[in-house]
Amino acid sequence: MKKAFFLTILVLLSSAMLLRAGMLEDVMKHVGGSTKGPDESTTASGLKEALSIGTENAVKSVSRPDGYFGNQTIKILMPEKIRNVANVLGKIGYQKQVDEFVLSMNRAAEKAAPKALSIFVDAIKGMSIEDARKILGGGNTAATAYFEEKTRGKLYDEFKPVISSSMNQVGCTRSYKEMMGKYDSVPFVGKQSLDLDHYVTNKALDGLFYMVGQEETKIRTDPSARVTDLLKTVFGK
């Protein structure tokens, strides 16, 4: 009886010391106490919500006027392969046409960007709990990297015809042909060729995924970007 009494006193004293030192919460974490994090289902839902918000924000960002052209990080520049063309034309009085061509590429990307949203939505729905578990422990753009790996091929196939059509509508293809025609008329310069649709489509997707990554990073690192209770539960650690 005395032994049991002294054991009880010892447990009570130990608990009091842990409370005083602020250590009881840490102990409880290791024995499955109330500080347990979100379960895998909640984690998956949180990541899907983060991607839904991130992709929607990214698409809106690049779809507006100057979404690409006014953002120096993702602005579509003169293709490297024909940069020499631009330099030559600028020196002989055609800089305005060169500038209009660069603008028209960016306008085409801005016009085509909204078409990506439905593909993003379908891809997010397909994310598994196992995918989410792996991604949560990754870097600040782990979900974006996974997302790009899973969707870029389909996005390219769906995006390229829209880019091509948009470039025709905004005059990009016409500007390119006129620019190359002027260049080809200059004596003693080598001929150049470029798959313009391929180039602009890839650059548009590069910029779009960059913006998605920026949105994911904000949600992971900036509490003010966690605009729903679910995001606060999953990322508020």
Protein backbone atom coordinates (compact mmCIF):
# COMPACT_ATOMS: atom_id res chain seq x y z
CA MET A 1 0.00 0.00 0.00
CA LYS A 2 2.82 2.40 0.93
CA LYS A 3 4.62 1.50 -2.29
CA ALA A 4 1.55 2.33 -4.40
CA PHE A 5 1.05 5.58 -2.49
CA PHE A 6 4.64 6.70 -3.12
CA LEU A 7 4.37 5.77 -6.83
CA THR A 8 1.24 7.91 -7.14
CA ILE A 9 3.00 10.85 -5.49
CA LEU A 10 5.97 10.39 -7.85
CA VAL A 11 3.74 10.45 -10.96
CA LEU A 12 1.94 13.58 -9.76
CA LEU A 13 5.22 15.36 -9.05
CA SER A 14 6.64 14.37 -12.44
CA SER A 15 3.54 15.67 -14.21
CA ALA A 16 3.75 18.95 -12.33
CA MET A 17 7.39 19.36 -13.32
CA LEU A 18 6.61 18.67 -16.98
CA LEU A 19 3.79 21.21 -16.95
CA ARG A 20 6.03 23.78 -15.38
CA ALA A 21 8.73 23.24 -17.98
CA GLY A 22 6.24 23.38 -20.84
CA MET A 23 7.15 19.86 -21.90
CA LEU A 24 3.89 17.98 -21.44
CA GLU A 25 2.64 18.98 -24.88
CA ASP A 26 5.79 17.57 -26.49
CA VAL A 27 5.36 14.33 -24.60
CA MET A 28 1.76 14.05 -25.75
CA LYS A 29 2.83 14.43 -29.38
CA HIS A 30 4.82 11.23 -29.07
CA VAL A 31 2.01 9.25 -27.46
CA GLY A 32 -0.75 10.21 -29.88
CA GLY A 33 -2.22 13.14 -27.97
CA SER A 34 -4.55 15.85 -29.26
CA THR A 35 -1.77 17.68 -31.18
CA LYS A 36 -1.83 15.08 -33.95
CA GLY A 37 -1.69 16.63 -37.46
CA PRO A 38 -4.27 16.25 -40.24
CA ASP A 39 -4.96 12.76 -41.56
CA GLU A 40 -4.06 11.73 -45.11
CA SER A 41 -7.53 12.39 -46.49
CA THR A 42 -7.49 15.92 -45.10
CA THR A 43 -3.99 16.44 -46.44
CA ALA A 44 -5.03 15.36 -49.94
CA SER A 45 -8.04 17.66 -49.84
CA GLY A 46 -5.87 20.53 -48.67
CA LEU A 47 -3.37 20.07 -51.47
CA LYS A 48 -6.14 19.88 -54.05
CA GLU A 49 -7.63 23.06 -52.66
CA ALA A 50 -4.24 24.76 -52.74
CA LEU A 51 -3.74 23.78 -56.36
CA SER A 52 -7.27 24.82 -57.27
CA ILE A 53 -6.71 28.26 -55.80
CA GLY A 54 -3.16 28.52 -57.12
CA THR A 55 -3.98 27.54 -60.69
CA GLU A 56 -7.03 29.79 -60.82
CA ASN A 57 -4.99 32.75 -59.56
CA ALA A 58 -2.17 31.97 -61.98
CA VAL A 59 -4.48 31.69 -64.99
CA LYS A 60 -6.21 34.95 -64.09
CA SER A 61 -2.85 36.63 -63.66
CA VAL A 62 -1.49 35.71 -67.10
CA SER A 63 -4.82 36.04 -68.94
CA ARG A 64 -5.27 39.74 -68.36
CA PRO A 65 -3.73 42.35 -70.72
CA ASP A 66 0.03 42.48 -70.11
CA GLY A 67 -0.20 39.28 -68.05
CA TYR A 68 2.81 37.99 -69.94
CA PHE A 69 4.08 41.11 -71.67
CA GLY A 70 4.12 43.21 -68.50
CA ASN A 71 5.75 40.55 -66.31
CA GLN A 72 9.49 40.59 -66.95
CA THR A 73 9.91 37.15 -65.39
CA ILE A 74 7.65 35.35 -67.87
CA LYS A 75 7.57 37.76 -70.82
CA ILE A 76 7.99 35.87 -74.10
CA LEU A 77 11.09 37.30 -75.76
CA MET A 78 12.40 37.08 -79.30
CA PRO A 79 13.33 33.44 -79.97
CA GLU A 80 17.06 32.95 -79.58
CA LYS A 81 17.25 31.26 -82.98
CA ILE A 82 16.14 34.43 -84.76
CA ARG A 83 17.58 37.00 -82.36
CA ASN A 84 20.15 37.88 -84.97
CA VAL A 85 17.25 38.62 -87.33
CA ALA A 86 15.89 41.16 -84.87
CA ASN A 87 19.29 42.78 -84.43
CA VAL A 88 19.78 43.14 -88.17
CA LEU A 89 16.27 44.51 -88.76
CA GLY A 90 16.59 46.97 -85.88
CA LYS A 91 19.76 48.39 -87.41
CA ILE A 92 18.16 48.97 -90.82
CA GLY A 93 15.05 50.74 -89.56
CA TYR A 94 12.59 47.99 -88.67
CA GLN A 95 12.74 48.09 -84.88
CA LYS A 96 9.04 48.96 -84.66
CA GLN A 97 8.12 45.77 -86.53
CA VAL A 98 10.38 43.73 -84.23
CA ASP A 99 8.71 45.23 -81.14
CA GLU A 100 5.26 44.55 -82.56
CA PHE A 101 6.18 40.95 -83.19
CA VAL A 102 7.31 40.44 -79.58
CA LEU A 103 4.13 42.08 -78.33
CA SER A 104 1.96 39.90 -80.57
CA MET A 105 3.53 36.67 -79.20
CA ASN A 106 2.69 37.75 -75.67
CA ARG A 107 -0.82 38.81 -76.62
CA ALA A 108 -1.41 35.36 -78.13
CA ALA A 109 -0.29 33.68 -74.92
CA GLU A 110 -2.53 35.95 -72.84
CA LYS A 111 -5.51 35.16 -75.03
CA ALA A 112 -4.92 31.39 -74.96
CA ALA A 113 -4.17 31.03 -71.23
CA PRO A 114 -7.79 30.72 -69.99
CA LYS A 115 -8.17 27.50 -71.99
CA ALA A 116 -5.83 25.76 -69.53
CA LEU A 117 -8.13 26.05 -66.52
CA SER A 118 -10.39 23.07 -67.31
CA ILE A 119 -7.34 20.84 -67.86
CA PHE A 120 -5.96 21.93 -64.51
CA VAL A 121 -9.27 21.10 -62.81
CA ASP A 122 -9.33 17.57 -64.27
CA ALA A 123 -5.75 16.93 -63.22
CA ILE A 124 -6.37 18.09 -59.65
CA LYS A 125 -9.31 15.72 -59.32
CA GLY A 126 -7.03 12.82 -60.21
CA MET A 127 -4.52 13.42 -57.41
CA SER A 128 -4.38 10.45 -55.03
CA ILE A 129 -3.87 10.40 -51.27
CA GLU A 130 -0.47 8.78 -51.84
CA ASP A 131 0.51 11.60 -54.20
CA ALA A 132 -0.53 14.16 -51.60
CA ARG A 133 1.41 12.43 -48.83
CA LYS A 134 4.63 12.60 -50.86
CA ILE A 135 4.10 16.15 -52.03
CA LEU A 136 3.34 17.62 -48.61
CA GLY A 137 6.84 16.84 -47.40
CA GLY A 138 8.45 18.31 -50.52
CA GLY A 139 9.75 21.78 -51.29
CA ASN A 140 7.75 24.94 -51.77
CA THR A 141 6.84 24.02 -55.37
CA ALA A 142 6.61 20.23 -55.01
CA ALA A 143 2.93 20.15 -55.96
CA THR A 144 3.56 22.34 -58.99
CA ALA A 145 6.39 20.06 -60.16
CA TYR A 146 4.15 17.02 -59.80
CA PHE A 147 1.32 18.83 -61.51
CA GLU A 148 3.49 19.90 -64.44
CA GLU A 149 4.82 16.36 -64.90
CA LYS A 150 1.29 15.01 -65.05
CA THR A 151 -0.29 17.68 -67.25
CA ARG A 152 2.29 19.37 -69.47
CA GLY A 153 1.95 16.92 -72.37
CA LYS A 154 -1.82 17.20 -72.46
CA LEU A 155 -1.67 20.94 -71.97
CA TYR A 156 0.73 21.25 -74.89
CA ASP A 157 -1.52 19.20 -77.18
CA GLU A 158 -4.58 21.21 -76.19
CA PHE A 159 -2.84 24.56 -75.92
CA LYS A 160 -0.91 24.63 -79.19
CA PRO A 161 -3.93 24.87 -81.54
CA VAL A 162 -5.35 27.67 -79.39
CA ILE A 163 -1.99 29.47 -79.44
CA SER A 164 -1.82 29.08 -83.23
CA SER A 165 -5.35 30.39 -83.71
CA SER A 166 -4.76 33.24 -81.29
CA MET A 167 -1.52 34.24 -83.01
CA ASN A 168 -3.37 34.42 -86.31
CA GLN A 169 -6.07 36.56 -84.71
CA VAL A 170 -3.69 39.01 -83.08
CA GLY A 171 -1.44 39.20 -86.14
CA CYS A 172 1.58 37.44 -84.71
CA THR A 173 2.01 35.04 -87.64
CA ARG A 174 1.61 37.87 -90.13
CA SER A 175 4.15 39.99 -88.25
CA TYR A 176 6.60 37.08 -88.19
CA LYS A 177 6.28 36.47 -91.94
CA GLU A 178 6.68 40.16 -92.70
CA MET A 179 9.70 40.40 -90.44
CA MET A 180 11.35 37.33 -91.95
CA GLY A 181 10.55 38.57 -95.45
CA LYS A 182 12.37 41.82 -94.77
CA TYR A 183 15.30 39.92 -93.30
CA ASP A 184 15.52 37.53 -96.25
CA SER A 185 15.70 40.52 -98.60
CA VAL A 186 18.88 41.76 -96.90
CA PRO A 187 21.94 40.68 -98.94
CA PHE A 188 24.49 38.26 -97.52
CA VAL A 189 22.47 37.02 -94.51
CA GLY A 190 21.75 33.37 -93.80
CA LYS A 191 18.22 32.03 -93.98
CA GLN A 192 16.48 31.24 -90.68
CA SER A 193 13.41 29.17 -89.86
CA LEU A 194 11.40 28.55 -86.70
CA ASP A 195 8.36 26.57 -85.55
CA LEU A 196 6.71 29.62 -84.05
CA ASP A 197 3.66 27.79 -82.69
CA HIS A 198 5.91 25.35 -80.81
CA TYR A 199 8.06 28.12 -79.40
CA VAL A 200 5.23 30.33 -78.14
CA THR A 201 3.27 27.38 -76.72
CA ASN A 202 6.23 26.16 -74.67
CA LYS A 203 7.06 29.65 -73.43
CA ALA A 204 3.43 30.25 -72.50
CA LEU A 205 3.35 27.02 -70.49
CA ASP A 206 6.69 27.82 -68.84
CA GLY A 207 5.30 31.12 -67.66
CA LEU A 208 2.03 29.62 -66.51
CA PHE A 209 3.68 26.94 -64.40
CA TYR A 210 6.06 29.51 -62.97
CA MET A 211 3.08 31.52 -61.75
CA VAL A 212 1.42 28.39 -60.33
CA GLY A 213 4.64 27.73 -58.41
CA GLN A 214 4.59 31.26 -57.03
CA GLU A 215 1.03 30.76 -55.81
CA GLU A 216 1.90 27.42 -54.15
CA THR A 217 4.89 28.98 -52.42
CA LYS A 218 2.72 31.76 -51.00
CA ILE A 219 0.24 29.26 -49.59
CA ARG A 220 3.02 27.21 -48.00
CA THR A 221 4.94 30.12 -46.51
CA ASP A 222 2.55 33.05 -46.07
CA PRO A 223 -0.28 32.57 -43.53
CA SER A 224 -2.29 35.40 -45.13
CA ALA A 225 -2.48 33.37 -48.38
CA ARG A 226 -4.29 30.50 -46.60
CA VAL A 227 -7.73 31.83 -47.30
CA THR A 228 -9.76 28.80 -46.18
CA ASP A 229 -9.94 26.78 -42.96
CA LEU A 230 -8.75 23.67 -44.81
CA LEU A 231 -5.60 25.41 -46.02
CA LYS A 232 -4.92 26.67 -42.51
CA THR A 233 -5.30 23.11 -41.16
CA VAL A 234 -2.96 21.49 -43.70
CA PHE A 235 -0.32 24.20 -44.10
CA GLY A 236 -0.52 26.03 -40.79
CA LYS A 237 2.33 24.21 -39.15
